[in-house]
mmCIF file of all heavy atoms, coordinates in Angstrom:
data_MODEL
# 
_entry.id   MODEL 
# 
loop_
_atom_site.group_PDB 
_atom_site.id 
_atom_site.type_symbol 
_atom_site.label_atom_id 
_atom_site.label_alt_id 
_atom_site.label_comp_id 
_atom_site.label_asym_id 
_atom_site.label_entity_id 
_atom_site.label_seq_id 
_atom_site.pdbx_PDB_ins_code 
_atom_site.Cartn_x 
_atom_site.Cartn_y 
_atom_site.Cartn_z 
_atom_site.occupancy 
_atom_site.B_iso_or_equiv 
_atom_site.pdbx_formal_charge 
_atom_site.auth_seq_id 
_atom_site.auth_comp_id 
_atom_site.auth_asym_id 
_atom_site.auth_atom_id 
_atom_site.pdbx_PDB_model_num 
ATOM 1   N N   . HIS A 1 1  ? -2.321  -1.930 10.699  1.00 0.00 ? 1  HIS A N   1 
ATOM 2   C CA  . HIS A 1 1  ? -2.139  -3.269 10.125  1.00 0.00 ? 1  HIS A CA  1 
ATOM 3   C C   . HIS A 1 1  ? -2.054  -3.105 8.602   1.00 0.00 ? 1  HIS A C   1 
ATOM 4   O O   . HIS A 1 1  ? -3.054  -3.170 7.893   1.00 0.00 ? 1  HIS A O   1 
ATOM 5   C CB  . HIS A 1 1  ? -3.308  -4.167 10.515  1.00 0.00 ? 1  HIS A CB  1 
ATOM 6   C CG  . HIS A 1 1  ? -3.162  -5.575 10.035  1.00 0.00 ? 1  HIS A CG  1 
ATOM 7   N ND1 . HIS A 1 1  ? -2.101  -6.380 10.377  1.00 0.00 ? 1  HIS A ND1 1 
ATOM 8   C CD2 . HIS A 1 1  ? -3.953  -6.331 9.228   1.00 0.00 ? 1  HIS A CD2 1 
ATOM 9   C CE1 . HIS A 1 1  ? -2.240  -7.555 9.815   1.00 0.00 ? 1  HIS A CE1 1 
ATOM 10  N NE2 . HIS A 1 1  ? -3.341  -7.552 9.108   1.00 0.00 ? 1  HIS A NE2 1 
ATOM 11  N N   . TYR A 1 2  ? -0.849  -2.891 8.125   1.00 0.00 ? 2  TYR A N   1 
ATOM 12  C CA  . TYR A 1 2  ? -0.663  -2.572 6.710   1.00 0.00 ? 2  TYR A CA  1 
ATOM 13  C C   . TYR A 1 2  ? -1.058  -3.686 5.745   1.00 0.00 ? 2  TYR A C   1 
ATOM 14  O O   . TYR A 1 2  ? -1.475  -3.385 4.619   1.00 0.00 ? 2  TYR A O   1 
ATOM 15  C CB  . TYR A 1 2  ? 0.772   -2.120 6.455   1.00 0.00 ? 2  TYR A CB  1 
ATOM 16  C CG  . TYR A 1 2  ? 0.930   -0.632 6.636   1.00 0.00 ? 2  TYR A CG  1 
ATOM 17  C CD1 . TYR A 1 2  ? 1.555   -0.113 7.763   1.00 0.00 ? 2  TYR A CD1 1 
ATOM 18  C CD2 . TYR A 1 2  ? 0.426   0.265  5.701   1.00 0.00 ? 2  TYR A CD2 1 
ATOM 19  C CE1 . TYR A 1 2  ? 1.691   1.256  7.942   1.00 0.00 ? 2  TYR A CE1 1 
ATOM 20  C CE2 . TYR A 1 2  ? 0.558   1.628  5.864   1.00 0.00 ? 2  TYR A CE2 1 
ATOM 21  C CZ  . TYR A 1 2  ? 1.188   2.120  6.990   1.00 0.00 ? 2  TYR A CZ  1 
ATOM 22  O OH  . TYR A 1 2  ? 1.307   3.475  7.160   1.00 0.00 ? 2  TYR A OH  1 
ATOM 23  N N   . PRO A 1 3  ? -0.932  -4.957 6.090   1.00 0.00 ? 3  PRO A N   1 
ATOM 24  C CA  . PRO A 1 3  ? -1.392  -5.972 5.135   1.00 0.00 ? 3  PRO A CA  1 
ATOM 25  C C   . PRO A 1 3  ? -2.840  -5.751 4.701   1.00 0.00 ? 3  PRO A C   1 
ATOM 26  O O   . PRO A 1 3  ? -3.170  -5.912 3.522   1.00 0.00 ? 3  PRO A O   1 
ATOM 27  C CB  . PRO A 1 3  ? -1.210  -7.276 5.915   1.00 0.00 ? 3  PRO A CB  1 
ATOM 28  C CG  . PRO A 1 3  ? -0.058  -7.001 6.821   1.00 0.00 ? 3  PRO A CG  1 
ATOM 29  C CD  . PRO A 1 3  ? -0.233  -5.579 7.240   1.00 0.00 ? 3  PRO A CD  1 
ATOM 30  N N   . ALA A 1 4  ? -3.716  -5.369 5.624   1.00 0.00 ? 4  ALA A N   1 
ATOM 31  C CA  . ALA A 1 4  ? -5.114  -5.134 5.265   1.00 0.00 ? 4  ALA A CA  1 
ATOM 32  C C   . ALA A 1 4  ? -5.260  -3.896 4.388   1.00 0.00 ? 4  ALA A C   1 
ATOM 33  O O   . ALA A 1 4  ? -6.027  -3.887 3.419   1.00 0.00 ? 4  ALA A O   1 
ATOM 34  C CB  . ALA A 1 4  ? -5.960  -4.982 6.529   1.00 0.00 ? 4  ALA A CB  1 
ATOM 35  N N   . VAL A 1 5  ? -4.523  -2.844 4.709   1.00 0.00 ? 5  VAL A N   1 
ATOM 36  C CA  . VAL A 1 5  ? -4.605  -1.605 3.931   1.00 0.00 ? 5  VAL A CA  1 
ATOM 37  C C   . VAL A 1 5  ? -4.099  -1.837 2.510   1.00 0.00 ? 5  VAL A C   1 
ATOM 38  O O   . VAL A 1 5  ? -4.746  -1.447 1.523   1.00 0.00 ? 5  VAL A O   1 
ATOM 39  C CB  . VAL A 1 5  ? -3.792  -0.488 4.615   1.00 0.00 ? 5  VAL A CB  1 
ATOM 40  C CG1 . VAL A 1 5  ? -3.772  0.766  3.742   1.00 0.00 ? 5  VAL A CG1 1 
ATOM 41  C CG2 . VAL A 1 5  ? -4.369  -0.157 5.983   1.00 0.00 ? 5  VAL A CG2 1 
ATOM 42  N N   . LEU A 1 6  ? -2.958  -2.498 2.378   1.00 0.00 ? 6  LEU A N   1 
ATOM 43  C CA  . LEU A 1 6  ? -2.386  -2.718 1.052   1.00 0.00 ? 6  LEU A CA  1 
ATOM 44  C C   . LEU A 1 6  ? -3.188  -3.739 0.249   1.00 0.00 ? 6  LEU A C   1 
ATOM 45  O O   . LEU A 1 6  ? -3.274  -3.639 -0.982  1.00 0.00 ? 6  LEU A O   1 
ATOM 46  C CB  . LEU A 1 6  ? -0.927  -3.148 1.182   1.00 0.00 ? 6  LEU A CB  1 
ATOM 47  C CG  . LEU A 1 6  ? 0.011   -2.100 1.791   1.00 0.00 ? 6  LEU A CG  1 
ATOM 48  C CD1 . LEU A 1 6  ? 1.429   -2.638 1.895   1.00 0.00 ? 6  LEU A CD1 1 
ATOM 49  C CD2 . LEU A 1 6  ? -0.010  -0.801 0.982   1.00 0.00 ? 6  LEU A CD2 1 
ATOM 50  N N   . GLU A 1 7  ? -3.775  -4.696 0.938   1.00 0.00 ? 7  GLU A N   1 
ATOM 51  C CA  . GLU A 1 7  ? -4.640  -5.649 0.245   1.00 0.00 ? 7  GLU A CA  1 
ATOM 52  C C   . GLU A 1 7  ? -5.845  -4.929 -0.364  1.00 0.00 ? 7  GLU A C   1 
ATOM 53  O O   . GLU A 1 7  ? -6.229  -5.204 -1.507  1.00 0.00 ? 7  GLU A O   1 
ATOM 54  C CB  . GLU A 1 7  ? -5.109  -6.726 1.221   1.00 0.00 ? 7  GLU A CB  1 
ATOM 55  C CG  . GLU A 1 7  ? -6.040  -7.770 0.588   1.00 0.00 ? 7  GLU A CG  1 
ATOM 56  C CD  . GLU A 1 7  ? -6.517  -8.807 1.589   1.00 0.00 ? 7  GLU A CD  1 
ATOM 57  O OE1 . GLU A 1 7  ? -5.983  -8.846 2.713   1.00 0.00 ? 7  GLU A OE1 1 
ATOM 58  O OE2 . GLU A 1 7  ? -7.432  -9.573 1.241   1.00 0.00 ? 7  GLU A OE2 1 
ATOM 59  N N   . ARG A 1 8  ? -6.427  -3.997 0.394   1.00 0.00 ? 8  ARG A N   1 
ATOM 60  C CA  . ARG A 1 8  ? -7.569  -3.253 -0.133  1.00 0.00 ? 8  ARG A CA  1 
ATOM 61  C C   . ARG A 1 8  ? -7.142  -2.335 -1.266  1.00 0.00 ? 8  ARG A C   1 
ATOM 62  O O   . ARG A 1 8  ? -7.856  -2.186 -2.268  1.00 0.00 ? 8  ARG A O   1 
ATOM 63  C CB  . ARG A 1 8  ? -8.235  -2.443 0.986   1.00 0.00 ? 8  ARG A CB  1 
ATOM 64  C CG  . ARG A 1 8  ? -9.509  -1.732 0.539   1.00 0.00 ? 8  ARG A CG  1 
ATOM 65  C CD  . ARG A 1 8  ? -10.536 -2.742 0.086   1.00 0.00 ? 8  ARG A CD  1 
ATOM 66  N NE  . ARG A 1 8  ? -11.731 -2.110 -0.453  1.00 0.00 ? 8  ARG A NE  1 
ATOM 67  C CZ  . ARG A 1 8  ? -12.394 -2.546 -1.512  1.00 0.00 ? 8  ARG A CZ  1 
ATOM 68  N NH1 . ARG A 1 8  ? -11.970 -3.641 -2.160  1.00 0.00 ? 8  ARG A NH1 1 
ATOM 69  N NH2 . ARG A 1 8  ? -13.475 -1.931 -1.928  1.00 0.00 ? 8  ARG A NH2 1 
ATOM 70  N N   . LEU A 1 9  ? -5.990  -1.715 -1.132  1.00 0.00 ? 9  LEU A N   1 
ATOM 71  C CA  . LEU A 1 9  ? -5.464  -0.850 -2.184  1.00 0.00 ? 9  LEU A CA  1 
ATOM 72  C C   . LEU A 1 9  ? -5.300  -1.625 -3.484  1.00 0.00 ? 9  LEU A C   1 
ATOM 73  O O   . LEU A 1 9  ? -5.697  -1.161 -4.565  1.00 0.00 ? 9  LEU A O   1 
ATOM 74  C CB  . LEU A 1 9  ? -4.118  -0.264 -1.745  1.00 0.00 ? 9  LEU A CB  1 
ATOM 75  C CG  . LEU A 1 9  ? -3.412  0.673  -2.720  1.00 0.00 ? 9  LEU A CG  1 
ATOM 76  C CD1 . LEU A 1 9  ? -4.207  1.951  -2.913  1.00 0.00 ? 9  LEU A CD1 1 
ATOM 77  C CD2 . LEU A 1 9  ? -2.003  0.996  -2.215  1.00 0.00 ? 9  LEU A CD2 1 
ATOM 78  N N   . GLU A 1 10 ? -4.743  -2.822 -3.380  1.00 0.00 ? 10 GLU A N   1 
ATOM 79  C CA  . GLU A 1 10 ? -4.548  -3.659 -4.563  1.00 0.00 ? 10 GLU A CA  1 
ATOM 80  C C   . GLU A 1 10 ? -5.885  -4.099 -5.142  1.00 0.00 ? 10 GLU A C   1 
ATOM 81  O O   . GLU A 1 10 ? -6.079  -4.108 -6.366  1.00 0.00 ? 10 GLU A O   1 
ATOM 82  C CB  . GLU A 1 10 ? -3.691  -4.868 -4.208  1.00 0.00 ? 10 GLU A CB  1 
ATOM 83  C CG  . GLU A 1 10 ? -3.212  -5.664 -5.398  1.00 0.00 ? 10 GLU A CG  1 
ATOM 84  C CD  . GLU A 1 10 ? -2.134  -6.657 -5.021  1.00 0.00 ? 10 GLU A CD  1 
ATOM 85  O OE1 . GLU A 1 10 ? -1.980  -6.973 -3.823  1.00 0.00 ? 10 GLU A OE1 1 
ATOM 86  O OE2 . GLU A 1 10 ? -1.437  -7.129 -5.937  1.00 0.00 ? 10 GLU A OE2 1 
ATOM 87  N N   . ALA A 1 11 ? -6.839  -4.439 -4.280  1.00 0.00 ? 11 ALA A N   1 
ATOM 88  C CA  . ALA A 1 11 ? -8.158  -4.872 -4.743  1.00 0.00 ? 11 ALA A CA  1 
ATOM 89  C C   . ALA A 1 11 ? -8.895  -3.755 -5.474  1.00 0.00 ? 11 ALA A C   1 
ATOM 90  O O   . ALA A 1 11 ? -9.682  -4.008 -6.391  1.00 0.00 ? 11 ALA A O   1 
ATOM 91  C CB  . ALA A 1 11 ? -8.991  -5.362 -3.564  1.00 0.00 ? 11 ALA A CB  1 
ATOM 92  N N   . LEU A 1 12 ? -8.638  -2.514 -5.087  1.00 0.00 ? 12 LEU A N   1 
ATOM 93  C CA  . LEU A 1 12 ? -9.258  -1.368 -5.758  1.00 0.00 ? 12 LEU A CA  1 
ATOM 94  C C   . LEU A 1 12 ? -8.687  -1.128 -7.152  1.00 0.00 ? 12 LEU A C   1 
ATOM 95  O O   . LEU A 1 12 ? -9.246  -0.370 -7.933  1.00 0.00 ? 12 LEU A O   1 
ATOM 96  C CB  . LEU A 1 12 ? -9.093  -0.116 -4.905  1.00 0.00 ? 12 LEU A CB  1 
ATOM 97  C CG  . LEU A 1 12 ? -9.941  -0.049 -3.634  1.00 0.00 ? 12 LEU A CG  1 
ATOM 98  C CD1 . LEU A 1 12 ? -9.468  1.087  -2.729  1.00 0.00 ? 12 LEU A CD1 1 
ATOM 99  C CD2 . LEU A 1 12 ? -11.415 0.129  -3.986  1.00 0.00 ? 12 LEU A CD2 1 
ATOM 100 N N   . GLY A 1 13 ? -7.563  -1.788 -7.447  1.00 0.00 ? 13 GLY A N   1 
ATOM 101 C CA  . GLY A 1 13 ? -6.959  -1.657 -8.770  1.00 0.00 ? 13 GLY A CA  1 
ATOM 102 C C   . GLY A 1 13 ? -5.860  -0.632 -8.859  1.00 0.00 ? 13 GLY A C   1 
ATOM 103 O O   . GLY A 1 13 ? -5.536  -0.161 -9.955  1.00 0.00 ? 13 GLY A O   1 
ATOM 104 N N   . TYR A 1 14 ? -5.239  -0.301 -7.724  1.00 0.00 ? 14 TYR A N   1 
ATOM 105 C CA  . TYR A 1 14 ? -4.169  0.692  -7.739  1.00 0.00 ? 14 TYR A CA  1 
ATOM 106 C C   . TYR A 1 14 ? -2.979  0.180  -8.543  1.00 0.00 ? 14 TYR A C   1 
ATOM 107 O O   . TYR A 1 14 ? -2.476  -0.918 -8.297  1.00 0.00 ? 14 TYR A O   1 
ATOM 108 C CB  . TYR A 1 14 ? -3.725  1.002  -6.313  1.00 0.00 ? 14 TYR A CB  1 
ATOM 109 C CG  . TYR A 1 14 ? -2.654  2.060  -6.207  1.00 0.00 ? 14 TYR A CG  1 
ATOM 110 C CD1 . TYR A 1 14 ? -2.925  3.384  -6.513  1.00 0.00 ? 14 TYR A CD1 1 
ATOM 111 C CD2 . TYR A 1 14 ? -1.360  1.726  -5.789  1.00 0.00 ? 14 TYR A CD2 1 
ATOM 112 C CE1 . TYR A 1 14 ? -1.945  4.355  -6.403  1.00 0.00 ? 14 TYR A CE1 1 
ATOM 113 C CE2 . TYR A 1 14 ? -0.377  2.690  -5.669  1.00 0.00 ? 14 TYR A CE2 1 
ATOM 114 C CZ  . TYR A 1 14 ? -0.672  4.009  -5.983  1.00 0.00 ? 14 TYR A CZ  1 
ATOM 115 O OH  . TYR A 1 14 ? 0.304   4.968  -5.874  1.00 0.00 ? 14 TYR A OH  1 
ATOM 116 N N   . GLY A 1 15 ? -2.530  0.983  -9.488  1.00 0.00 ? 15 GLY A N   1 
ATOM 117 C CA  . GLY A 1 15 ? -1.425  0.577  -10.341 1.00 0.00 ? 15 GLY A CA  1 
ATOM 118 C C   . GLY A 1 15 ? -0.179  1.406  -10.164 1.00 0.00 ? 15 GLY A C   1 
ATOM 119 O O   . GLY A 1 15 ? 0.781   1.251  -10.926 1.00 0.00 ? 15 GLY A O   1 
ATOM 120 N N   . GLY A 1 16 ? -0.184  2.309  -9.184  1.00 0.00 ? 16 GLY A N   1 
ATOM 121 C CA  . GLY A 1 16 ? 0.960   3.178  -8.964  1.00 0.00 ? 16 GLY A CA  1 
ATOM 122 C C   . GLY A 1 16 ? 1.980   2.583  -8.013  1.00 0.00 ? 16 GLY A C   1 
ATOM 123 O O   . GLY A 1 16 ? 2.012   1.380  -7.763  1.00 0.00 ? 16 GLY A O   1 
ATOM 124 N N   . TRP A 1 17 ? 2.826   3.459  -7.483  1.00 0.00 ? 17 TRP A N   1 
ATOM 125 C CA  . TRP A 1 17 ? 3.863   3.058  -6.544  1.00 0.00 ? 17 TRP A CA  1 
ATOM 126 C C   . TRP A 1 17 ? 3.415   3.346  -5.119  1.00 0.00 ? 17 TRP A C   1 
ATOM 127 O O   . TRP A 1 17 ? 2.589   4.224  -4.880  1.00 0.00 ? 17 TRP A O   1 
ATOM 128 C CB  . TRP A 1 17 ? 5.158   3.823  -6.822  1.00 0.00 ? 17 TRP A CB  1 
ATOM 129 C CG  . TRP A 1 17 ? 5.789   3.499  -8.139  1.00 0.00 ? 17 TRP A CG  1 
ATOM 130 C CD1 . TRP A 1 17 ? 5.485   4.051  -9.353  1.00 0.00 ? 17 TRP A CD1 1 
ATOM 131 C CD2 . TRP A 1 17 ? 6.826   2.541  -8.383  1.00 0.00 ? 17 TRP A CD2 1 
ATOM 132 N NE1 . TRP A 1 17 ? 6.278   3.506  -10.333 1.00 0.00 ? 17 TRP A NE1 1 
ATOM 133 C CE2 . TRP A 1 17 ? 7.116   2.582  -9.768  1.00 0.00 ? 17 TRP A CE2 1 
ATOM 134 C CE3 . TRP A 1 17 ? 7.545   1.677  -7.557  1.00 0.00 ? 17 TRP A CE3 1 
ATOM 135 C CZ2 . TRP A 1 17 ? 8.083   1.766  -10.343 1.00 0.00 ? 17 TRP A CZ2 1 
ATOM 136 C CZ3 . TRP A 1 17 ? 8.520   0.867  -8.134  1.00 0.00 ? 17 TRP A CZ3 1 
ATOM 137 C CH2 . TRP A 1 17 ? 8.781   0.914  -9.511  1.00 0.00 ? 17 TRP A CH2 1 
ATOM 138 N N   . VAL A 1 18 ? 4.005   2.631  -4.177  1.00 0.00 ? 18 VAL A N   1 
ATOM 139 C CA  . VAL A 1 18 ? 3.802   2.880  -2.754  1.00 0.00 ? 18 VAL A CA  1 
ATOM 140 C C   . VAL A 1 18 ? 5.146   3.331  -2.189  1.00 0.00 ? 18 VAL A C   1 
ATOM 141 O O   . VAL A 1 18 ? 6.106   2.554  -2.136  1.00 0.00 ? 18 VAL A O   1 
ATOM 142 C CB  . VAL A 1 18 ? 3.291   1.632  -2.017  1.00 0.00 ? 18 VAL A CB  1 
ATOM 143 C CG1 . VAL A 1 18 ? 3.247   1.875  -0.517  1.00 0.00 ? 18 VAL A CG1 1 
ATOM 144 C CG2 . VAL A 1 18 ? 1.910   1.240  -2.539  1.00 0.00 ? 18 VAL A CG2 1 
ATOM 145 N N   . GLY A 1 19 ? 5.210   4.596  -1.806  1.00 0.00 ? 19 GLY A N   1 
ATOM 146 C CA  . GLY A 1 19 ? 6.450   5.153  -1.298  1.00 0.00 ? 19 GLY A CA  1 
ATOM 147 C C   . GLY A 1 19 ? 6.692   4.796  0.159   1.00 0.00 ? 19 GLY A C   1 
ATOM 148 O O   . GLY A 1 19 ? 5.806   4.961  0.999   1.00 0.00 ? 19 GLY A O   1 
ATOM 149 N N   . CYS A 1 20 ? 7.880   4.303  0.462   1.00 0.00 ? 20 CYS A N   1 
ATOM 150 C CA  . CYS A 1 20 ? 8.243   3.923  1.828   1.00 0.00 ? 20 CYS A CA  1 
ATOM 151 C C   . CYS A 1 20 ? 8.884   5.147  2.497   1.00 0.00 ? 20 CYS A C   1 
ATOM 152 O O   . CYS A 1 20 ? 10.115  5.254  2.602   1.00 0.00 ? 20 CYS A O   1 
ATOM 153 C CB  . CYS A 1 20 ? 9.200   2.740  1.808   1.00 0.00 ? 20 CYS A CB  1 
ATOM 154 S SG  . CYS A 1 20 ? 8.504   1.288  0.985   1.00 0.00 ? 20 CYS A SG  1 
ATOM 155 N N   . GLU A 1 21 ? 8.037   6.050  2.948   1.00 0.00 ? 21 GLU A N   1 
ATOM 156 C CA  . GLU A 1 21 ? 8.517   7.302  3.534   1.00 0.00 ? 21 GLU A CA  1 
ATOM 157 C C   . GLU A 1 21 ? 8.582   7.160  5.056   1.00 0.00 ? 21 GLU A C   1 
ATOM 158 O O   . GLU A 1 21 ? 7.790   7.735  5.796   1.00 0.00 ? 21 GLU A O   1 
ATOM 159 C CB  . GLU A 1 21 ? 7.618   8.474  3.130   1.00 0.00 ? 21 GLU A CB  1 
ATOM 160 C CG  . GLU A 1 21 ? 8.259   9.819  3.433   1.00 0.00 ? 21 GLU A CG  1 
ATOM 161 C CD  . GLU A 1 21 ? 7.378   11.001 3.083   1.00 0.00 ? 21 GLU A CD  1 
ATOM 162 O OE1 . GLU A 1 21 ? 6.148   10.912 3.252   1.00 0.00 ? 21 GLU A OE1 1 
ATOM 163 O OE2 . GLU A 1 21 ? 7.931   12.022 2.637   1.00 0.00 ? 21 GLU A OE2 1 
ATOM 164 N N   . TYR A 1 22 ? 9.539   6.355  5.501   1.00 0.00 ? 22 TYR A N   1 
ATOM 165 C CA  . TYR A 1 22 ? 9.686   6.132  6.932   1.00 0.00 ? 22 TYR A CA  1 
ATOM 166 C C   . TYR A 1 22 ? 11.151  6.241  7.342   1.00 0.00 ? 22 TYR A C   1 
ATOM 167 O O   . TYR A 1 22 ? 12.058  6.127  6.521   1.00 0.00 ? 22 TYR A O   1 
ATOM 168 C CB  . TYR A 1 22 ? 9.114   4.773  7.337   1.00 0.00 ? 22 TYR A CB  1 
ATOM 169 C CG  . TYR A 1 22 ? 9.833   3.553  6.798   1.00 0.00 ? 22 TYR A CG  1 
ATOM 170 C CD1 . TYR A 1 22 ? 10.978  3.059  7.415   1.00 0.00 ? 22 TYR A CD1 1 
ATOM 171 C CD2 . TYR A 1 22 ? 9.347   2.863  5.683   1.00 0.00 ? 22 TYR A CD2 1 
ATOM 172 C CE1 . TYR A 1 22 ? 11.637  1.933  6.938   1.00 0.00 ? 22 TYR A CE1 1 
ATOM 173 C CE2 . TYR A 1 22 ? 9.985   1.733  5.198   1.00 0.00 ? 22 TYR A CE2 1 
ATOM 174 C CZ  . TYR A 1 22 ? 11.127  1.271  5.835   1.00 0.00 ? 22 TYR A CZ  1 
ATOM 175 O OH  . TYR A 1 22 ? 11.772  0.155  5.350   1.00 0.00 ? 22 TYR A OH  1 
ATOM 176 N N   . ARG A 1 23 ? 11.348  6.488  8.638   1.00 0.00 ? 23 ARG A N   1 
ATOM 177 C CA  . ARG A 1 23 ? 12.686  6.543  9.212   1.00 0.00 ? 23 ARG A CA  1 
ATOM 178 C C   . ARG A 1 23 ? 13.015  5.182  9.814   1.00 0.00 ? 23 ARG A C   1 
ATOM 179 O O   . ARG A 1 23 ? 12.379  4.778  10.801  1.00 0.00 ? 23 ARG A O   1 
ATOM 180 C CB  . ARG A 1 23 ? 12.761  7.619  10.297  1.00 0.00 ? 23 ARG A CB  1 
ATOM 181 C CG  . ARG A 1 23 ? 12.623  9.041  9.794   1.00 0.00 ? 23 ARG A CG  1 
ATOM 182 C CD  . ARG A 1 23 ? 12.820  10.040 10.937  1.00 0.00 ? 23 ARG A CD  1 
ATOM 183 N NE  . ARG A 1 23 ? 11.707  9.971  11.877  1.00 0.00 ? 23 ARG A NE  1 
ATOM 184 C CZ  . ARG A 1 23 ? 10.622  10.748 11.804  1.00 0.00 ? 23 ARG A CZ  1 
ATOM 185 N NH1 . ARG A 1 23 ? 10.507  11.637 10.823  1.00 0.00 ? 23 ARG A NH1 1 
ATOM 186 N NH2 . ARG A 1 23 ? 9.656   10.630 12.699  1.00 0.00 ? 23 ARG A NH2 1 
ATOM 187 N N   . PRO A 1 24 ? 13.948  4.450  9.252   1.00 0.00 ? 24 PRO A N   1 
ATOM 188 C CA  . PRO A 1 24 ? 14.284  3.142  9.821   1.00 0.00 ? 24 PRO A CA  1 
ATOM 189 C C   . PRO A 1 24 ? 14.644  3.248  11.297  1.00 0.00 ? 24 PRO A C   1 
ATOM 190 O O   . PRO A 1 24 ? 15.318  4.192  11.724  1.00 0.00 ? 24 PRO A O   1 
ATOM 191 C CB  . PRO A 1 24 ? 15.485  2.690  8.982   1.00 0.00 ? 24 PRO A CB  1 
ATOM 192 C CG  . PRO A 1 24 ? 15.303  3.408  7.666   1.00 0.00 ? 24 PRO A CG  1 
ATOM 193 C CD  . PRO A 1 24 ? 14.740  4.742  8.034   1.00 0.00 ? 24 PRO A CD  1 
# 
């Protein structure tokens, strides 16, 4: 459930990029 993971990442103060390393 990526919304929860990314929400926590943002709350921690992450200021970098999130790479979309997936095969469509």
